[in-house]
Protein backbone atom coordinates (compact mmCIF):
# COMPACT_ATOMS: atom_id res chain seq x y z
CA UNK A 1 119.19 127.69 43.33
CA UNK A 2 120.79 125.27 45.61
CA UNK A 3 125.06 125.53 46.25
CA UNK A 4 125.06 129.10 44.27
CA UNK A 5 127.42 130.34 46.51
CA UNK A 6 130.20 128.11 44.42
CA UNK A 7 128.42 128.57 40.82
CA UNK A 8 129.91 131.62 39.24
CA UNK A 9 127.74 134.37 38.89
CA UNK A 10 128.16 137.99 37.20
CA UNK A 11 128.13 140.57 39.98
CA UNK A 12 127.80 144.26 40.18
CA UNK A 13 129.55 145.80 43.47
CA UNK A 14 127.86 149.19 44.62
CA UNK A 15 130.35 151.52 46.70
CA UNK A 16 132.89 153.74 47.17
CA UNK A 17 135.93 152.47 46.52
CA UNK A 18 138.57 153.83 48.18
CA UNK A 19 141.81 152.40 50.04
CA UNK A 20 140.86 149.71 52.60
CA UNK A 21 137.14 150.28 51.95
CA UNK A 22 134.28 148.21 52.18
CA UNK A 23 133.71 147.65 48.43
CA UNK A 24 137.16 146.83 47.63
CA UNK A 25 137.44 144.33 49.83
CA UNK A 26 133.88 142.75 49.31
CA UNK A 27 135.05 142.85 45.16
CA UNK A 28 138.35 140.85 45.92
CA UNK A 29 136.29 138.18 47.61
CA UNK A 30 133.74 137.82 44.52
CA UNK A 31 137.20 137.46 42.37
CA UNK A 32 138.75 135.03 44.61
CA UNK A 33 135.30 133.11 44.44
CA UNK A 34 135.57 132.97 40.88
CA UNK A 35 132.95 135.14 40.32
CA UNK A 36 133.29 138.13 37.35
CA UNK A 37 132.66 141.17 39.71
CA UNK A 38 132.75 144.58 38.33
CA UNK A 39 133.13 148.06 40.82
CA UNK A 40 130.67 150.46 40.46
CA UNK A 41 131.57 154.06 41.70
CA UNK A 42 128.25 155.54 43.50
CA UNK A 43 127.83 159.30 43.47
CA UNK A 44 130.11 161.93 42.85
CA UNK A 45 133.51 161.89 41.52
CA UNK A 46 134.32 163.97 44.44
CA UNK A 47 135.20 161.02 46.94
CA UNK A 48 136.47 161.56 50.32
CA UNK A 49 140.44 161.60 50.43
CA UNK A 50 142.43 160.75 53.58
CA UNK A 51 145.36 162.79 53.10
CA UNK A 52 148.18 163.91 56.04
CA UNK A 53 148.07 167.18 54.44
CA UNK A 54 145.27 169.28 56.73
CA UNK A 55 144.26 171.71 54.00
CA UNK A 56 144.05 168.75 51.50
CA UNK A 57 142.07 167.40 54.05
CA UNK A 58 139.49 170.08 54.70
CA UNK A 59 139.11 170.77 50.68
CA UNK A 60 138.23 167.02 50.70
CA UNK A 61 135.74 167.22 53.28
CA UNK A 62 134.63 170.42 51.42
CA UNK A 63 134.11 168.80 48.32
CA UNK A 64 132.83 165.56 49.46
CA UNK A 65 129.80 167.81 51.24
CA UNK A 66 129.24 169.24 48.27
CA UNK A 67 128.91 166.55 46.27
CA UNK A 68 126.53 164.53 48.59
CA UNK A 69 124.25 167.46 48.13
CA UNK A 70 124.45 167.51 43.96
CA UNK A 71 123.81 163.58 43.97
CA UNK A 72 120.63 164.05 46.31
CA UNK A 73 118.58 166.13 43.62
CA UNK A 74 115.70 163.90 42.24
CA UNK A 75 116.70 164.21 38.81
CA UNK A 76 120.45 163.10 39.19
CA UNK A 77 118.86 160.29 41.50
CA UNK A 78 116.70 159.40 38.50
CA UNK A 79 119.60 159.47 35.95
CA UNK A 80 122.00 157.21 38.42
CA UNK A 81 119.45 154.15 39.30
CA UNK A 82 118.70 154.43 34.91
CA UNK A 83 122.60 154.27 35.14
CA UNK A 84 123.05 151.34 37.10
CA UNK A 85 120.33 149.06 36.16
CA UNK A 86 122.23 149.67 32.44
CA UNK A 87 125.27 148.75 33.81
CA UNK A 88 124.13 145.91 35.71
CA UNK A 89 122.05 144.62 31.87
CA UNK A 90 125.23 145.08 30.02
CA UNK A 91 127.34 143.28 32.35
CA UNK A 92 124.51 140.68 32.74
CA UNK A 93 124.68 140.49 36.07
CA UNK A 94 122.91 137.96 38.54
CA UNK A 95 123.61 139.83 41.64
CA UNK A 96 123.73 143.75 42.35
CA UNK A 97 125.27 144.31 45.76
CA UNK A 98 125.02 147.41 47.61
CA UNK A 99 127.77 148.14 49.98
CA UNK A 100 125.58 150.83 52.18
CA UNK A 101 122.05 152.75 51.75
CA UNK A 102 123.08 154.36 48.60
CA UNK A 103 119.60 153.82 46.71
CA UNK A 104 116.45 155.09 47.12
CA UNK A 105 113.41 152.51 46.69
CA UNK A 106 112.64 153.76 43.18
CA UNK A 107 116.15 153.42 42.29
CA UNK A 108 116.31 149.73 43.77
CA UNK A 109 112.91 148.72 41.64
CA UNK A 110 114.51 150.83 38.38
CA UNK A 111 118.12 148.68 38.83
CA UNK A 112 115.77 145.56 39.08
CA UNK A 113 113.67 146.32 36.16
CA UNK A 114 116.31 147.54 33.42
CA UNK A 115 118.88 144.43 34.61
CA UNK A 116 116.59 141.45 36.01
CA UNK A 117 119.45 141.07 38.56
CA UNK A 118 118.93 140.82 42.29
CA UNK A 119 119.79 143.27 44.23
CA UNK A 120 121.12 143.23 48.16
CA UNK A 121 122.29 145.71 50.36
CA UNK A 122 125.50 144.69 52.71
CA UNK A 123 125.14 147.63 55.61
CA UNK A 124 128.92 147.78 57.39
CA UNK A 125 127.83 150.36 59.59
CA UNK A 126 126.38 150.21 62.88
CA UNK A 127 122.54 151.12 64.28
CA UNK A 128 123.66 154.92 64.63
CA UNK A 129 124.76 154.90 60.94
CA UNK A 130 120.81 154.25 59.75
CA UNK A 131 120.14 157.69 59.08
CA UNK A 132 116.78 158.28 56.50
CA UNK A 133 116.82 154.08 57.03
CA UNK A 134 115.36 153.89 52.91
CA UNK A 135 116.50 150.51 52.60
CA UNK A 136 113.32 149.14 55.35
CA UNK A 137 110.99 150.44 51.91
CA UNK A 138 113.56 149.02 49.11
CA UNK A 139 112.21 145.65 47.12
CA UNK A 140 115.93 144.23 48.31
CA UNK A 141 116.48 140.85 47.74
CA UNK A 142 118.50 140.52 50.71
CA UNK A 143 119.44 143.01 53.65
CA UNK A 144 122.45 142.23 55.54
CA UNK A 145 123.98 143.29 58.69
CA UNK A 146 126.71 142.92 60.70
CA UNK A 147 125.00 143.67 64.25
CA UNK A 148 122.49 140.73 65.09
CA UNK A 149 120.72 143.06 67.49
CA UNK A 150 119.34 144.92 64.13
CA UNK A 151 118.44 141.38 62.72
CA UNK A 152 116.69 140.66 65.97
CA UNK A 153 115.07 143.82 65.74
CA UNK A 154 113.86 144.06 62.33
CA UNK A 155 112.43 140.61 61.99
CA UNK A 156 110.58 141.11 64.65
CA UNK A 157 109.25 143.91 64.11
CA UNK A 158 109.20 143.97 59.97
CA UNK A 159 108.39 141.64 57.11
CA UNK A 160 111.94 141.82 55.63
CA UNK A 161 114.38 139.28 54.03
CA UNK A 162 117.14 140.53 56.46
CA UNK A 163 119.75 138.37 58.18
CA UNK A 164 123.08 138.41 60.11
CA UNK A 165 126.31 138.64 58.09
CA UNK A 166 129.52 139.82 60.18
CA UNK A 167 132.14 141.53 58.58
CA UNK A 168 135.49 140.04 57.58
CA UNK A 169 139.42 140.08 56.74
CA UNK A 170 140.47 140.39 52.95
CA UNK A 171 143.56 137.99 52.93
CA UNK A 172 145.16 140.12 50.22
CA UNK A 173 145.71 143.06 52.38
CA UNK A 174 144.91 142.10 55.87
CA UNK A 175 148.34 139.58 56.58
CA UNK A 176 151.63 139.97 57.83
CA UNK A 177 153.04 137.98 54.38
CA UNK A 178 155.82 139.83 53.00
CA UNK A 179 156.56 142.34 55.81
CA UNK A 180 160.39 142.27 56.71
CA UNK A 181 161.06 143.12 60.85
CA UNK A 182 163.05 146.16 59.56
CA UNK A 183 159.56 147.84 58.51
CA UNK A 184 158.41 147.67 61.75
CA UNK A 185 160.78 150.08 63.47
CA UNK A 186 159.43 153.48 62.72
CA UNK A 187 155.85 152.24 63.78
CA UNK A 188 156.91 150.68 67.19
CA UNK A 189 155.05 151.62 70.14
CA UNK A 190 153.63 149.58 73.03
CA UNK A 191 149.45 150.26 72.01
CA UNK A 192 147.95 151.45 68.92
CA UNK A 193 144.52 151.17 66.86
CA UNK A 194 143.17 152.85 63.69
CA UNK A 195 140.33 155.19 62.99
CA UNK A 196 138.49 158.28 63.12
CA UNK A 197 139.10 160.47 65.97
CA UNK A 198 135.73 160.70 67.63
CA UNK A 199 134.79 161.74 70.42
CA UNK A 200 133.55 158.49 71.55
CA UNK A 201 137.17 157.19 70.61
CA UNK A 202 138.75 159.92 72.62
CA UNK A 203 137.35 159.57 76.05
CA UNK A 204 137.91 155.84 75.53
CA UNK A 205 141.54 156.36 75.14
CA UNK A 206 141.86 158.57 78.23
CA UNK A 207 142.51 155.47 80.19
CA UNK A 208 145.62 154.79 78.73
CA UNK A 209 147.28 157.84 79.18
CA UNK A 210 150.39 157.87 80.03
CA UNK A 211 151.28 154.63 77.83
CA UNK A 212 152.94 154.26 74.42
CA UNK A 213 149.89 154.98 72.18
CA UNK A 214 149.62 155.69 68.69
CA UNK A 215 146.37 155.97 67.06
CA UNK A 216 146.15 155.97 63.57
CA UNK A 217 143.63 157.99 61.26
CA UNK A 218 142.72 160.51 59.19
CA UNK A 219 142.89 164.80 60.16
CA UNK A 220 141.41 164.98 63.59
CA UNK A 221 137.88 167.47 63.67
CA UNK A 222 139.15 170.94 64.54
CA UNK A 223 136.97 170.81 67.53
CA UNK A 224 138.73 168.10 69.16
CA UNK A 225 140.49 168.61 72.37
CA UNK A 226 143.76 167.26 71.60
CA UNK A 227 145.28 167.57 74.64
CA UNK A 228 142.86 165.20 76.51
CA UNK A 229 145.10 161.84 74.83
CA UNK A 230 148.56 163.78 74.40
CA UNK A 231 150.84 162.59 72.30
CA UNK A 232 148.67 159.82 70.44
CA UNK A 233 147.32 161.27 67.50
CA UNK A 234 149.16 160.72 64.53
CA UNK A 235 146.64 161.82 62.12
CA UNK A 236 147.81 160.00 58.97
CA UNK A 237 145.92 157.42 57.44
CA UNK A 238 146.91 153.86 56.97
CA UNK A 239 145.50 151.55 54.54
CA UNK A 240 146.07 147.81 53.45
CA UNK A 241 149.73 146.91 54.06
CA UNK A 242 150.88 150.19 56.03
CA UNK A 243 147.87 149.34 58.22
CA UNK A 244 148.86 145.45 58.90
CA UNK A 245 152.91 146.75 59.25
CA UNK A 246 151.15 149.70 62.40
CA UNK A 247 148.96 147.00 63.90
CA UNK A 248 152.18 143.93 63.86
CA UNK A 249 154.71 146.92 65.18
CA UNK A 250 152.66 147.39 68.26
CA UNK A 251 151.92 144.73 71.51
CA UNK A 252 148.38 145.38 71.34
CA UNK A 253 146.10 146.65 69.11
CA UNK A 254 143.29 148.20 70.97
CA UNK A 255 139.68 147.63 69.49
CA UNK A 256 136.92 150.32 71.72
CA UNK A 257 134.20 149.36 70.16
CA UNK A 258 131.35 152.66 69.10
CA UNK A 259 128.76 152.53 71.58
CA UNK A 260 125.99 151.69 68.89
CA UNK A 261 127.96 148.28 68.10
CA UNK A 262 124.93 146.86 70.55
CA UNK A 263 125.32 142.98 70.12
CA UNK A 264 128.18 142.95 67.05
CA UNK A 265 131.77 143.71 66.11
CA UNK A 266 133.21 145.91 63.79
CA UNK A 267 135.81 145.57 60.75
CA UNK A 268 138.56 145.91 62.86
CA UNK A 269 138.41 143.04 64.85
CA UNK A 270 138.49 140.78 62.11
CA UNK A 271 141.36 142.77 60.28
CA UNK A 272 143.48 142.94 63.30
CA UNK A 273 142.68 138.99 63.68
CA UNK A 274 143.80 138.43 59.88
CA UNK A 275 147.07 140.27 60.27
CA UNK A 276 148.16 138.31 63.38
CA UNK A 277 148.76 140.77 65.82
CA UNK A 278 147.26 140.30 69.20
CA UNK A 279 144.02 142.20 70.24
CA UNK A 280 141.97 143.79 73.27
CA UNK A 281 138.55 144.11 72.22
CA UNK A 282 135.19 145.39 73.90
CA UNK A 283 133.36 142.55 75.38
CA UNK A 284 129.90 142.44 73.24
CA UNK A 285 127.32 139.67 73.52
CA UNK A 286 128.01 138.08 70.03
CA UNK A 287 131.80 137.87 70.21
CA UNK A 288 132.02 134.08 71.06
CA UNK A 289 130.20 132.90 68.50
CA UNK A 290 133.65 134.39 66.15
CA UNK A 291 136.33 133.71 68.52
CA UNK A 292 136.99 132.65 71.36
CA UNK A 293 138.06 135.01 74.16
CA UNK A 294 141.01 134.23 75.74
CA UNK A 295 142.81 132.47 73.47
CA UNK A 296 141.91 134.35 70.02
CA UNK A 297 141.92 137.67 71.17
CA UNK A 298 140.44 139.10 74.38
CA UNK A 299 137.84 141.14 75.81
CA UNK A 300 137.51 144.10 78.63
CA UNK A 301 134.10 145.21 79.94
CA UNK A 302 135.00 147.96 82.01
CA UNK A 303 138.00 150.46 81.62
CA UNK A 304 139.58 148.91 85.28
CA UNK A 305 139.55 145.20 83.67
CA UNK A 306 141.29 147.60 80.69
CA UNK A 307 143.74 148.48 82.48
CA UNK A 308 144.68 145.32 84.38
CA UNK A 309 145.11 143.57 80.91
CA UNK A 310 147.12 145.96 79.21
CA UNK A 311 149.65 145.71 82.02
CA UNK A 312 149.51 141.85 81.95
CA UNK A 313 150.01 141.58 77.91
CA UNK A 314 152.34 144.34 77.96
CA UNK A 315 154.63 142.01 80.06
CA UNK A 316 154.24 138.41 78.33
CA UNK A 317 155.41 138.50 74.78
CA UNK A 318 154.87 134.30 74.52
CA UNK A 319 151.57 134.72 74.96
CA UNK A 320 150.06 137.63 73.02
CA UNK A 321 152.27 135.72 69.83
CA UNK A 322 150.36 132.93 70.37
CA UNK A 323 146.93 134.39 70.91
CA UNK A 324 147.79 136.18 68.30
CA UNK A 325 148.70 133.42 66.25
CA UNK A 326 145.46 131.70 66.83
CA UNK A 327 143.28 134.61 65.78
CA UNK A 328 145.16 134.23 62.36
CA UNK A 329 143.87 130.69 62.12
CA UNK A 330 140.64 130.98 62.88
CA UNK A 331 140.56 134.48 60.45
CA UNK A 332 141.83 132.71 58.03
CA UNK A 333 139.49 129.20 58.79
CA UNK A 334 136.32 130.94 58.98
CA UNK A 335 136.16 134.89 58.69
CA UNK A 336 137.34 136.52 55.17
CA UNK A 337 135.39 138.11 53.01
CA UNK A 338 135.06 134.83 50.46
CA UNK A 339 133.28 132.99 53.24
CA UNK A 340 130.91 135.88 53.69
CA UNK A 341 130.31 136.28 50.09
CA UNK A 342 129.61 132.81 49.46
CA UNK A 343 127.13 132.76 52.39
CA UNK A 344 125.80 135.90 51.24
CA UNK A 345 124.62 134.15 47.75
CA UNK A 346 123.32 131.14 49.54
CA UNK A 347 121.12 133.22 51.37
CA UNK A 348 120.26 135.21 48.55
CA UNK A 349 119.62 132.15 46.17
CA UNK A 350 117.49 130.85 49.35
CA UNK A 351 119.87 127.94 49.92
CA UNK A 352 120.58 129.85 53.19
CA UNK A 353 119.50 132.06 55.70
CA UNK A 354 122.50 134.53 56.66
CA UNK A 355 125.08 133.65 59.23
CA UNK A 356 123.89 131.99 62.93
CA UNK A 357 122.35 134.41 64.72
CA UNK A 358 123.51 134.26 68.56
CA UNK A 359 120.87 132.97 71.25
CA UNK A 360 118.83 135.96 71.57
CA UNK A 361 117.51 134.78 74.78
CA UNK A 362 120.80 134.27 76.17
CA UNK A 363 121.54 137.96 75.35
CA UNK A 364 118.64 139.33 76.80
CA UNK A 365 119.62 137.23 79.81
CA UNK A 366 122.86 138.89 79.88
CA UNK A 367 121.10 142.39 80.04
CA UNK A 368 119.39 141.87 82.46
CA UNK A 369 121.08 139.51 84.87
């Protein structure tokens, strides 16, 4: 099966297909590679919806929680596995790609039995999102993780087909193309980011109080103390083209990585690069394998270093633009979903072994030095 990443295949992508979602980008990536990719919405139809209305947001949250509990019923799970297997069989699927830990082991087996397809999972979360980690007991033909730390640990401890596959950008939407300068004006600020307003992000953003910062994302939790980062939270979800506009309108995109991102990077790293925006990102051991630090993005190791870099780059328009342009070129050359998915197919087919791992001994040396 050598070279299967370039041979047209029939693929079912299982996930939640919300705007700017992981499953949508994977579907686009397979389509761009010339494969026949079918979207399969997993679970309840009451998918979580980001909205600027606080009431609608809370109602959507409640419906999602209720739907998740219903989906967990054994009878519904059994039907879901059988249904997915039949959809994959009808599609003539060579591969079913699951975009989170949705399937229990029995469902993985049922999908394979009914369809004859290989089944792989690409986990988009950090190690803190493992939950029950049912994937460890499923008969997957490939388990792909964005953090090489996870891969290193699982390979050493378990006999599983575990591979490193960093996240990526989608050139269809993570792009500056077609954005007019006038569109940027309502989003202008010195520093921006996009994501959920969780405790870790709020604590990190406290260092930037006093700067012109806009944080785009869904409604913050009711318990959150917004006074710690006054004026930063826009409580408005931005996705796809609007995210590109928001990032391009800022001088700096700040990327505080979640503490559970141990060696790897988040999706925002690659999206920001693809958009062609300047980025300051938390330093991680696997970063140097993906981007040239200081030339394609700039990393920081602590609060004081971050503040120094913010002041430096806010005052240097030319260097910011040059770094951002190099990041975009690198992202398009090496870090699109097409690149990742071709490698996934080759890995499942036995012609590759995932993305090259960073030097583990070097990483351990950095941690213990």
